[in-house]
Amino acid sequence: MSPKELSYIEDALSHEKFMMTQCQQAAQNLQDGELKNCVEQLAQKHQQTFTNLYNLV
């Protein structure tokens, strides 16, 4: 893997981690159960994407 490709993956990891954290924090503050569940699912998808990208390195 080239240094430039590694840099792209590192950026993507950073973005996925940020989005996962934001979703988790938002879910904690939501009162509506359906909306909270939706945001928690988004957090899980970002976690999965993060894991998949991490495994590329």
Protein backbone atom coordinates (compact mmCIF):
# COMPACT_ATOMS: atom_id res chain seq x y z
CA MET A 1 0.00 0.00 0.00
CA SER A 2 1.39 3.37 -0.96
CA PRO A 3 1.81 6.17 1.58
CA LYS A 4 -0.88 8.16 -0.21
CA GLU A 5 -3.35 5.26 -0.02
CA LEU A 6 -2.55 4.82 3.67
CA SER A 7 -3.20 8.51 4.21
CA TYR A 8 -6.62 8.18 2.56
CA ILE A 9 -7.49 5.25 4.80
CA GLU A 10 -6.35 7.14 7.89
CA ASP A 11 -8.57 10.07 6.90
CA ALA A 12 -11.53 7.75 6.32
CA LEU A 13 -10.92 6.09 9.72
CA SER A 14 -10.91 9.48 11.38
CA HIS A 15 -14.18 10.48 9.70
CA GLU A 16 -15.89 7.20 10.56
CA LYS A 17 -14.78 7.43 14.20
CA PHE A 18 -16.06 11.01 14.40
CA MET A 19 -19.44 10.09 12.90
CA MET A 20 -19.76 7.06 15.16
CA THR A 21 -19.07 9.19 18.23
CA GLN A 22 -21.50 11.89 17.12
CA CYS A 23 -24.25 9.33 16.55
CA GLN A 24 -23.64 7.71 19.93
CA GLN A 25 -23.79 11.07 21.70
CA ALA A 26 -26.93 12.09 19.82
CA ALA A 27 -28.64 8.79 20.65
CA GLN A 28 -27.99 9.34 24.35
CA ASN A 29 -29.82 12.67 24.18
CA LEU A 30 -32.84 11.51 22.19
CA GLN A 31 -36.15 10.83 23.90
CA ASP A 32 -38.05 9.42 20.90
CA GLY A 33 -37.44 5.67 20.92
CA GLU A 34 -37.80 5.18 17.18
CA LEU A 35 -35.43 8.03 16.35
CA LYS A 36 -32.98 6.86 19.00
CA ASN A 37 -32.98 3.36 17.50
CA CYS A 38 -32.35 4.79 14.02
CA VAL A 39 -29.37 6.85 15.22
CA GLU A 40 -27.98 3.88 17.15
CA GLN A 41 -28.14 1.84 13.94
CA LEU A 42 -26.22 4.60 12.15
CA ALA A 43 -23.57 4.45 14.86
CA GLN A 44 -23.29 0.69 14.36
CA LYS A 45 -22.88 1.13 10.59
CA HIS A 46 -20.10 3.65 11.14
CA GLN A 47 -18.48 1.20 13.57
CA GLN A 48 -18.65 -1.56 10.95
CA THR A 49 -17.18 0.69 8.28
CA PHE A 50 -14.41 1.74 10.67
CA THR A 51 -13.61 -1.90 11.41
CA ASN A 52 -13.58 -2.82 7.72
CA LEU A 53 -11.24 0.06 6.89
CA TYR A 54 -9.01 -0.73 9.85
CA ASN A 55 -8.64 -4.30 8.65
CA LEU A 56 -7.28 -3.04 5.32
CA VAL A 57 -4.18 -1.64 6.97
